[in-house]
Amino acid sequence: MTTGKQTGVPEGGLQPMLAEEEHGFATIPIGQGWPQGLVPVATFAEAEGASVIALAELLKGLDIPHQSGWAKITIGANSALESVGLSAAIATALAEKEISSNIVAAYHHDHVFVPWDRRDEAMDVLRNL
């Protein structure tokens, strides 16, 4: 992947893609079984239990305590695991507009979770980065 020297942004732009569904964050405490029917978008093992990102409606339907209100934006440009500065460029651009962001780096793409009510504004920021 070729990136701009100062920004970490791939040449050709980020190619952000907005998911239509609202997402939520939850924790499955240590010792609690995995809820049947839970299909996460992402998980991460933490000392407090398994952090889970999933569709908010699914978490609600399974009666899993969660924080909803998040939009998922996938960065369509491939991001190499060893790339430098991409997450920082994204977070900085969103922070300049006072949009909070939670970035999950996966193997092929980065995924940015922003407040649901600011998703369109966040898309504009990322398209112009």
C-alpha atoms as a PDB file:
ATOM      1  CA  MET A   1       0.000   0.000   0.000  1.00  0.00           C
ATOM      2  CA  THR A   2       1.352   3.400  -0.926  1.00  0.00           C
ATOM      3  CA  THR A   3       0.564   6.242   1.434  1.00  0.00           C
ATOM      4  CA  GLY A   4       0.944   9.977   1.481  1.00  0.00           C
ATOM      5  CA  LYS A   5       4.257  10.807   3.179  1.00  0.00           C
ATOM      6  CA  GLN A   6       2.783  12.982   5.915  1.00  0.00           C
ATOM      7  CA  THR A   7      -0.766  11.768   6.421  1.00  0.00           C
ATOM      8  CA  GLY A   8      -0.638   7.973   6.325  1.00  0.00           C
ATOM      9  CA  VAL A   9      -3.693   8.118   4.043  1.00  0.00           C
ATOM     10  CA  PRO A  10      -3.508   5.777   1.023  1.00  0.00           C
ATOM     11  CA  GLU A  11      -3.122   7.424  -2.372  1.00  0.00           C
ATOM     12  CA  GLY A  12      -6.587   7.457  -3.903  1.00  0.00           C
ATOM     13  CA  GLY A  13      -8.263   8.198  -0.564  1.00  0.00           C
ATOM     14  CA  LEU A  14      -9.856   6.139   2.168  1.00  0.00           C
ATOM     15  CA  GLN A  15     -12.923   4.945   0.225  1.00  0.00           C
ATOM     16  CA  PRO A  16     -15.131   4.927   3.362  1.00  0.00           C
ATOM     17  CA  MET A  17     -18.270   2.768   3.349  1.00  0.00           C
ATOM     18  CA  LEU A  18     -21.074   3.359   5.858  1.00  0.00           C
ATOM     19  CA  ALA A  19     -22.973   0.348   7.238  1.00  0.00           C
ATOM     20  CA  GLU A  20     -26.737   0.850   7.344  1.00  0.00           C
ATOM     21  CA  GLU A  21     -27.247  -0.715  10.764  1.00  0.00           C
ATOM     22  CA  GLU A  22     -26.625   0.792  14.196  1.00  0.00           C
ATOM     23  CA  HIS A  23     -23.985  -0.998  16.256  1.00  0.00           C
ATOM     24  CA  GLY A  24     -23.346  -1.382  19.962  1.00  0.00           C
ATOM     25  CA  PHE A  25     -20.532  -2.289  22.347  1.00  0.00           C
ATOM     26  CA  ALA A  26     -20.925  -4.829  25.152  1.00  0.00           C
ATOM     27  CA  THR A  27     -18.913  -7.010  27.505  1.00  0.00           C
ATOM     28  CA  ILE A  28     -19.515 -10.685  28.122  1.00  0.00           C
ATOM     29  CA  PRO A  29     -18.129 -11.114  31.667  1.00  0.00           C
ATOM     30  CA  ILE A  30     -15.591 -13.810  32.481  1.00  0.00           C
ATOM     31  CA  GLY A  31     -17.339 -17.003  33.522  1.00  0.00           C
ATOM     32  CA  GLN A  32     -20.566 -16.148  31.701  1.00  0.00           C
ATOM     33  CA  GLY A  33     -21.291 -18.422  28.787  1.00  0.00           C
ATOM     34  CA  TRP A  34     -21.403 -17.060  25.261  1.00  0.00           C
ATOM     35  CA  PRO A  35     -25.007 -16.020  24.589  1.00  0.00           C
ATOM     36  CA  GLN A  36     -26.676 -18.264  22.031  1.00  0.00           C
ATOM     37  CA  GLY A  37     -27.388 -16.328  18.857  1.00  0.00           C
ATOM     38  CA  LEU A  38     -24.736 -13.668  19.421  1.00  0.00           C
ATOM     39  CA  VAL A  39     -22.972 -12.955  16.144  1.00  0.00           C
ATOM     40  CA  PRO A  40     -20.331 -10.294  16.781  1.00  0.00           C
ATOM     41  CA  VAL A  41     -18.816  -7.930  14.256  1.00  0.00           C
ATOM     42  CA  ALA A  42     -15.662  -7.924  16.394  1.00  0.00           C
ATOM     43  CA  THR A  43     -14.428  -9.253  19.721  1.00  0.00           C
ATOM     44  CA  PHE A  44     -11.426  -8.608  21.880  1.00  0.00           C
ATOM     45  CA  ALA A  45     -10.351 -10.433  25.034  1.00  0.00           C
ATOM     46  CA  GLU A  46      -9.904  -8.053  27.976  1.00  0.00           C
ATOM     47  CA  ALA A  47      -9.317  -8.669  31.674  1.00  0.00           C
ATOM     48  CA  GLU A  48     -12.989  -7.851  32.374  1.00  0.00           C
ATOM     49  CA  GLY A  49     -14.305 -10.280  29.775  1.00  0.00           C
ATOM     50  CA  ALA A  50     -14.916 -10.385  26.041  1.00  0.00           C
ATOM     51  CA  SER A  51     -15.554  -6.968  24.532  1.00  0.00           C
ATOM     52  CA  VAL A  52     -18.082  -7.366  21.749  1.00  0.00           C
ATOM     53  CA  ILE A  53     -19.184  -5.116  18.919  1.00  0.00           C
ATOM     54  CA  ALA A  54     -22.423  -6.254  17.306  1.00  0.00           C
ATOM     55  CA  LEU A  55     -25.594  -4.942  15.743  1.00  0.00           C
ATOM     56  CA  ALA A  56     -27.460  -2.952  18.383  1.00  0.00           C
ATOM     57  CA  GLU A  57     -30.770  -4.671  17.594  1.00  0.00           C
ATOM     58  CA  LEU A  58     -29.172  -8.076  18.119  1.00  0.00           C
ATOM     59  CA  LEU A  59     -27.695  -7.055  21.480  1.00  0.00           C
ATOM     60  CA  LYS A  60     -31.064  -5.629  22.534  1.00  0.00           C
ATOM     61  CA  GLY A  61     -32.921  -8.722  21.357  1.00  0.00           C
ATOM     62  CA  LEU A  62     -30.589 -10.974  23.341  1.00  0.00           C
ATOM     63  CA  ASP A  63     -31.014  -8.725  26.390  1.00  0.00           C
ATOM     64  CA  ILE A  64     -27.270  -8.069  26.598  1.00  0.00           C
ATOM     65  CA  PRO A  65     -26.399  -4.831  28.405  1.00  0.00           C
ATOM     66  CA  HIS A  66     -24.669  -2.611  25.884  1.00  0.00           C
ATOM     67  CA  GLN A  67     -23.954   0.904  24.707  1.00  0.00           C
ATOM     68  CA  SER A  68     -25.721   1.455  21.399  1.00  0.00           C
ATOM     69  CA  GLY A  69     -25.623   4.470  19.143  1.00  0.00           C
ATOM     70  CA  TRP A  70     -22.599   3.709  16.978  1.00  0.00           C
ATOM     71  CA  ALA A  71     -22.208   3.752  13.202  1.00  0.00           C
ATOM     72  CA  LYS A  72     -19.634   1.532  11.509  1.00  0.00           C
ATOM     73  CA  ILE A  73     -17.579   3.035   8.702  1.00  0.00           C
ATOM     74  CA  THR A  74     -15.300   0.617   6.881  1.00  0.00           C
ATOM     75  CA  ILE A  75     -12.217   2.085   5.254  1.00  0.00           C
ATOM     76  CA  GLY A  76     -12.411   0.518   1.795  1.00  0.00           C
ATOM     77  CA  ALA A  77      -8.773   1.109   0.956  1.00  0.00           C
ATOM     78  CA  ASN A  78      -6.651  -1.857   1.970  1.00  0.00           C
ATOM     79  CA  SER A  79      -4.566  -1.007   5.021  1.00  0.00           C
ATOM     80  CA  ALA A  80      -1.451  -3.035   5.642  1.00  0.00           C
ATOM     81  CA  LEU A  81      -0.883  -4.091   9.236  1.00  0.00           C
ATOM     82  CA  GLU A  82       2.481  -2.335   9.222  1.00  0.00           C
ATOM     83  CA  SER A  83       1.199   0.950   7.771  1.00  0.00           C
ATOM     84  CA  VAL A  84       2.118   4.041   9.762  1.00  0.00           C
ATOM     85  CA  GLY A  85      -0.164   6.952  10.547  1.00  0.00           C
ATOM     86  CA  LEU A  86      -3.497   5.880   9.067  1.00  0.00           C
ATOM     87  CA  SER A  87      -5.351   5.489  12.371  1.00  0.00           C
ATOM     88  CA  ALA A  88      -3.810   8.718  13.636  1.00  0.00           C
ATOM     89  CA  ALA A  89      -4.868  10.613  10.506  1.00  0.00           C
ATOM     90  CA  ILE A  90      -8.434   9.328  10.789  1.00  0.00           C
ATOM     91  CA  ALA A  91      -8.712  10.040  14.515  1.00  0.00           C
ATOM     92  CA  THR A  92      -7.178  13.506  14.132  1.00  0.00           C
ATOM     93  CA  ALA A  93      -9.473  14.517  11.258  1.00  0.00           C
ATOM     94  CA  LEU A  94     -12.553  13.402  13.204  1.00  0.00           C
ATOM     95  CA  ALA A  95     -11.328  14.987  16.445  1.00  0.00           C
ATOM     96  CA  GLU A  96     -10.928  18.328  14.654  1.00  0.00           C
ATOM     97  CA  LYS A  97     -14.713  18.189  14.104  1.00  0.00           C
ATOM     98  CA  GLU A  98     -15.234  16.950  17.694  1.00  0.00           C
ATOM     99  CA  ILE A  99     -16.462  13.548  16.481  1.00  0.00           C
ATOM    100  CA  SER A 100     -15.439  10.716  18.782  1.00  0.00           C
ATOM    101  CA  SER A 101     -14.110   7.599  17.090  1.00  0.00           C
ATOM    102  CA  ASN A 102     -13.205   4.054  18.003  1.00  0.00           C
ATOM    103  CA  ILE A 103     -10.959   2.440  15.423  1.00  0.00           C
ATOM    104  CA  VAL A 104     -10.648  -1.315  14.975  1.00  0.00           C
ATOM    105  CA  ALA A 105      -7.837  -2.468  12.728  1.00  0.00           C
ATOM    106  CA  ALA A 106      -8.544  -5.790  11.057  1.00  0.00           C
ATOM    107  CA  TYR A 107      -6.442  -7.762   8.576  1.00  0.00           C
ATOM    108  CA  HIS A 108      -7.631  -6.077   5.353  1.00  0.00           C
ATOM    109  CA  HIS A 109      -9.433  -2.944   6.481  1.00  0.00           C
ATOM    110  CA  ASP A 110      -9.801  -0.519   9.344  1.00  0.00           C
ATOM    111  CA  HIS A 111     -13.264   0.084  10.777  1.00  0.00           C
ATOM    112  CA  VAL A 112     -14.235   3.322  12.460  1.00  0.00           C
ATOM    113  CA  PHE A 113     -17.122   3.523  14.914  1.00  0.00           C
ATOM    114  CA  VAL A 114     -18.565   7.016  15.303  1.00  0.00           C
ATOM    115  CA  PRO A 115     -21.676   8.328  17.070  1.00  0.00           C
ATOM    116  CA  TRP A 116     -24.767   7.310  15.113  1.00  0.00           C
ATOM    117  CA  ASP A 117     -26.126  10.857  14.919  1.00  0.00           C
ATOM    118  CA  ARG A 118     -22.842  12.160  13.436  1.00  0.00           C
ATOM    119  CA  ARG A 119     -22.311   9.408  10.871  1.00  0.00           C
ATOM    120  CA  ASP A 120     -23.025  11.538   7.781  1.00  0.00           C
ATOM    121  CA  GLU A 121     -20.692  14.286   8.983  1.00  0.00           C
ATOM    122  CA  ALA A 122     -18.009  11.675   9.727  1.00  0.00           C
ATOM    123  CA  MET A 123     -18.400  10.258   6.210  1.00  0.00           C
ATOM    124  CA  ASP A 124     -17.851  13.737   4.748  1.00  0.00           C
ATOM    125  CA  VAL A 125     -14.694  14.159   6.835  1.00  0.00           C
ATOM    126  CA  LEU A 126     -13.310  10.780   5.760  1.00  0.00           C
ATOM    127  CA  ARG A 127     -14.176  11.276   2.088  1.00  0.00           C
ATOM    128  CA  ASN A 128     -12.227  14.549   2.121  1.00  0.00           C
ATOM    129  CA  LEU A 129      -9.198  13.250   4.002  1.00  0.00           C
END
